[in-house]
Amino acid sequence: MQHELEIPFVYERGVLKPEVDVDWPEGARGVAFIRETPGASDNGLSRRRALDAIRRIGESGVFNSGGRKLTRDEMHERR
C-alpha cells in the first residue's frame, strides 16, 4: 500500500525534521518531493534565534520569571 502525505518540516544540520508526528513504522522508506514555503528562510532564522536565546538562559542557570517562589512541596508533587 502506498502512502502520500504532505508533511511540514524544518531542515537543520543536514536533516529533515518533521514538524508533526509521522505515523510510519520505524525504518520505513519513501521519496520526498520538496517545495520551499514562502518566508521559510526568515521564519526558520527567527525560530533558531529564539531557541538559541532559550538555550543560553537554561545553560546560565539564572532565570527569574518575576512570579512568586514555589515551596518545596509545590515543586515536587507528592501523592
N, C-alpha and C. Protein backbone atom coordinates (compact mmCIF):
# COMPACT_ATOMS: atom_id res chain seq x y z
N MET A 1 0.84 -1.17 0.00
CA MET A 1 0.00 0.00 0.00
C MET A 1 0.90 1.24 0.00
N GLN A 2 0.57 2.22 -0.83
CA GLN A 2 1.35 3.45 -0.89
C GLN A 2 0.68 4.53 -0.06
N HIS A 3 1.51 5.31 0.64
CA HIS A 3 1.02 6.44 1.42
C HIS A 3 1.57 7.71 0.78
N GLU A 4 0.74 8.72 0.68
CA GLU A 4 1.19 10.01 0.20
C GLU A 4 0.75 11.05 1.21
N LEU A 5 1.72 11.74 1.80
CA LEU A 5 1.45 12.72 2.84
C LEU A 5 2.13 14.03 2.53
N GLU A 6 1.55 15.12 2.99
CA GLU A 6 2.21 16.41 2.95
C GLU A 6 2.61 16.73 4.38
N ILE A 7 3.92 16.75 4.63
CA ILE A 7 4.43 16.91 5.99
C ILE A 7 5.33 18.13 6.06
N PRO A 8 4.97 19.13 6.86
CA PRO A 8 5.87 20.28 7.02
C PRO A 8 7.10 19.85 7.80
N PHE A 9 8.25 20.37 7.43
CA PHE A 9 9.48 20.00 8.11
C PHE A 9 10.41 21.20 8.21
N VAL A 10 11.43 21.06 9.04
CA VAL A 10 12.50 22.05 9.16
C VAL A 10 13.79 21.33 8.80
N TYR A 11 14.62 21.98 8.02
CA TYR A 11 15.92 21.42 7.64
C TYR A 11 16.96 21.98 8.59
N GLU A 12 17.57 21.12 9.41
CA GLU A 12 18.58 21.53 10.38
C GLU A 12 19.77 20.59 10.33
N ARG A 13 20.94 21.16 10.15
CA ARG A 13 22.18 20.39 10.19
C ARG A 13 22.14 19.16 9.30
N GLY A 14 21.60 19.32 8.12
CA GLY A 14 21.60 18.23 7.15
C GLY A 14 20.50 17.21 7.33
N VAL A 15 19.53 17.48 8.22
CA VAL A 15 18.46 16.52 8.50
C VAL A 15 17.10 17.20 8.32
N LEU A 16 16.17 16.51 7.67
CA LEU A 16 14.80 16.99 7.56
C LEU A 16 14.04 16.53 8.80
N LYS A 17 13.57 17.48 9.62
CA LYS A 17 12.87 17.15 10.86
C LYS A 17 11.39 17.50 10.71
N PRO A 18 10.50 16.50 10.74
CA PRO A 18 9.06 16.77 10.62
C PRO A 18 8.58 17.65 11.76
N GLU A 19 7.64 18.56 11.45
CA GLU A 19 7.06 19.42 12.47
C GLU A 19 5.78 18.82 13.05
N VAL A 20 5.37 17.68 12.56
CA VAL A 20 4.19 16.97 13.05
C VAL A 20 4.57 15.51 13.24
N ASP A 21 3.77 14.79 14.01
CA ASP A 21 4.01 13.35 14.17
C ASP A 21 3.78 12.65 12.85
N VAL A 22 4.67 11.73 12.53
CA VAL A 22 4.55 10.95 11.30
C VAL A 22 4.23 9.51 11.70
N ASP A 23 3.08 9.04 11.27
CA ASP A 23 2.61 7.71 11.66
C ASP A 23 3.11 6.65 10.68
N TRP A 24 4.41 6.48 10.66
CA TRP A 24 5.04 5.46 9.82
C TRP A 24 5.86 4.56 10.72
N PRO A 25 5.99 3.29 10.35
CA PRO A 25 6.82 2.40 11.17
C PRO A 25 8.30 2.80 11.07
N GLU A 26 9.05 2.56 12.14
CA GLU A 26 10.48 2.85 12.16
C GLU A 26 11.17 2.14 11.00
N GLY A 27 12.02 2.85 10.30
CA GLY A 27 12.76 2.26 9.18
C GLY A 27 12.03 2.32 7.85
N ALA A 28 10.79 2.83 7.84
CA ALA A 28 10.04 2.93 6.58
C ALA A 28 10.77 3.87 5.63
N ARG A 29 10.69 3.57 4.36
CA ARG A 29 11.35 4.39 3.35
C ARG A 29 10.31 5.05 2.46
N GLY A 30 10.69 6.17 1.90
CA GLY A 30 9.81 6.89 0.99
C GLY A 30 10.63 7.84 0.13
N VAL A 31 9.95 8.59 -0.68
CA VAL A 31 10.59 9.59 -1.53
C VAL A 31 9.96 10.93 -1.21
N ALA A 32 10.80 11.95 -1.01
CA ALA A 32 10.29 13.29 -0.68
C ALA A 32 10.34 14.18 -1.92
N PHE A 33 9.27 14.91 -2.15
CA PHE A 33 9.21 15.95 -3.16
C PHE A 33 9.20 17.25 -2.38
N ILE A 34 10.27 18.00 -2.42
CA ILE A 34 10.45 19.14 -1.54
C ILE A 34 10.12 20.46 -2.24
N ARG A 35 9.33 21.29 -1.54
CA ARG A 35 8.94 22.60 -2.05
C ARG A 35 9.13 23.59 -0.89
N GLU A 36 9.92 24.64 -1.12
CA GLU A 36 10.14 25.63 -0.06
C GLU A 36 8.88 26.46 0.11
N THR A 37 8.50 26.71 1.36
CA THR A 37 7.31 27.51 1.63
C THR A 37 7.70 28.98 1.67
N PRO A 38 6.80 29.88 1.29
CA PRO A 38 7.10 31.31 1.30
C PRO A 38 7.50 31.78 2.69
N GLY A 39 8.57 32.54 2.77
CA GLY A 39 9.04 33.08 4.04
C GLY A 39 9.70 32.06 4.94
N ALA A 40 9.95 30.87 4.43
CA ALA A 40 10.51 29.80 5.27
C ALA A 40 11.88 30.18 5.81
N SER A 41 12.69 30.83 5.02
CA SER A 41 14.03 31.17 5.47
C SER A 41 13.99 32.13 6.64
N ASP A 42 13.15 33.16 6.56
CA ASP A 42 13.06 34.13 7.64
C ASP A 42 12.51 33.49 8.91
N ASN A 43 11.45 32.69 8.77
CA ASN A 43 10.82 32.06 9.92
C ASN A 43 11.80 31.12 10.61
N GLY A 44 12.53 30.33 9.84
CA GLY A 44 13.49 29.41 10.42
C GLY A 44 14.59 30.13 11.17
N LEU A 45 15.03 31.28 10.63
CA LEU A 45 16.08 32.04 11.27
C LEU A 45 15.60 32.63 12.59
N SER A 46 14.40 33.22 12.61
CA SER A 46 13.90 33.81 13.85
C SER A 46 13.61 32.71 14.89
N ARG A 47 13.13 31.56 14.44
CA ARG A 47 12.90 30.44 15.36
C ARG A 47 14.21 29.97 15.95
N ARG A 48 15.23 29.87 15.11
CA ARG A 48 16.55 29.42 15.57
C ARG A 48 17.11 30.41 16.59
N ARG A 49 16.95 31.73 16.34
CA ARG A 49 17.45 32.74 17.30
C ARG A 49 16.72 32.62 18.63
N ALA A 50 15.40 32.40 18.58
CA ALA A 50 14.62 32.26 19.81
C ALA A 50 15.06 31.03 20.59
N LEU A 51 15.26 29.91 19.91
CA LEU A 51 15.69 28.70 20.59
C LEU A 51 17.09 28.86 21.17
N ASP A 52 17.97 29.55 20.45
CA ASP A 52 19.32 29.81 20.98
C ASP A 52 19.25 30.65 22.25
N ALA A 53 18.37 31.67 22.27
CA ALA A 53 18.22 32.50 23.46
C ALA A 53 17.72 31.68 24.64
N ILE A 54 16.74 30.82 24.40
CA ILE A 54 16.20 29.96 25.46
C ILE A 54 17.29 29.02 25.96
N ARG A 55 18.07 28.46 25.05
CA ARG A 55 19.16 27.55 25.43
C ARG A 55 20.19 28.28 26.30
N ARG A 56 20.54 29.52 25.95
CA ARG A 56 21.51 30.29 26.74
C ARG A 56 20.98 30.55 28.15
N ILE A 57 19.69 30.88 28.27
CA ILE A 57 19.09 31.10 29.59
C ILE A 57 19.19 29.82 30.41
N GLY A 58 18.84 28.69 29.80
CA GLY A 58 18.90 27.41 30.51
C GLY A 58 20.30 27.06 30.96
N GLU A 59 21.29 27.31 30.09
CA GLU A 59 22.67 26.97 30.42
C GLU A 59 23.24 27.88 31.50
N SER A 60 22.74 29.12 31.58
CA SER A 60 23.25 30.05 32.58
C SER A 60 22.77 29.67 33.98
N GLY A 61 21.66 28.96 34.06
CA GLY A 61 21.12 28.57 35.36
C GLY A 61 20.42 29.72 36.07
N VAL A 62 20.29 30.86 35.40
CA VAL A 62 19.67 32.03 36.02
C VAL A 62 18.42 32.39 35.23
N PHE A 63 17.28 32.27 35.89
CA PHE A 63 16.02 32.64 35.25
C PHE A 63 15.08 33.16 36.31
N ASN A 64 14.63 34.38 36.14
CA ASN A 64 13.70 34.99 37.09
C ASN A 64 12.43 35.33 36.33
N SER A 65 11.37 34.57 36.60
CA SER A 65 10.11 34.78 35.90
C SER A 65 9.33 35.97 36.47
N GLY A 66 9.75 36.45 37.65
CA GLY A 66 9.03 37.54 38.28
C GLY A 66 7.87 37.05 39.14
N GLY A 67 7.58 35.76 39.08
CA GLY A 67 6.49 35.20 39.86
C GLY A 67 6.94 34.84 41.26
N ARG A 68 5.99 34.39 42.08
CA ARG A 68 6.34 34.02 43.44
C ARG A 68 7.14 32.72 43.43
N LYS A 69 7.97 32.55 44.44
CA LYS A 69 8.78 31.34 44.53
C LYS A 69 7.93 30.21 45.10
N LEU A 70 8.03 29.05 44.52
CA LEU A 70 7.27 27.89 44.97
C LEU A 70 7.93 27.25 46.17
N THR A 71 7.11 26.63 47.03
CA THR A 71 7.66 25.88 48.16
C THR A 71 8.17 24.55 47.64
N ARG A 72 8.94 23.86 48.46
CA ARG A 72 9.48 22.56 48.06
C ARG A 72 8.34 21.58 47.72
N ASP A 73 7.29 21.58 48.55
CA ASP A 73 6.16 20.68 48.29
C ASP A 73 5.46 21.02 46.98
N GLU A 74 5.37 22.31 46.67
CA GLU A 74 4.74 22.69 45.41
C GLU A 74 5.58 22.30 44.20
N MET A 75 6.89 22.32 44.38
CA MET A 75 7.79 21.96 43.27
C MET A 75 7.81 20.45 43.04
N HIS A 76 7.60 19.67 44.07
CA HIS A 76 7.66 18.21 43.96
C HIS A 76 6.31 17.64 44.33
N GLU A 77 5.57 17.20 43.33
CA GLU A 77 4.26 16.61 43.61
C GLU A 77 4.41 15.40 44.50
N ARG A 78 3.62 15.36 45.52
CA ARG A 78 3.67 14.21 46.43
C ARG A 78 2.30 13.60 46.49
N ARG A 79 2.20 12.36 46.07
CA ARG A 79 0.90 11.68 46.06
C ARG A 79 0.97 10.40 46.82
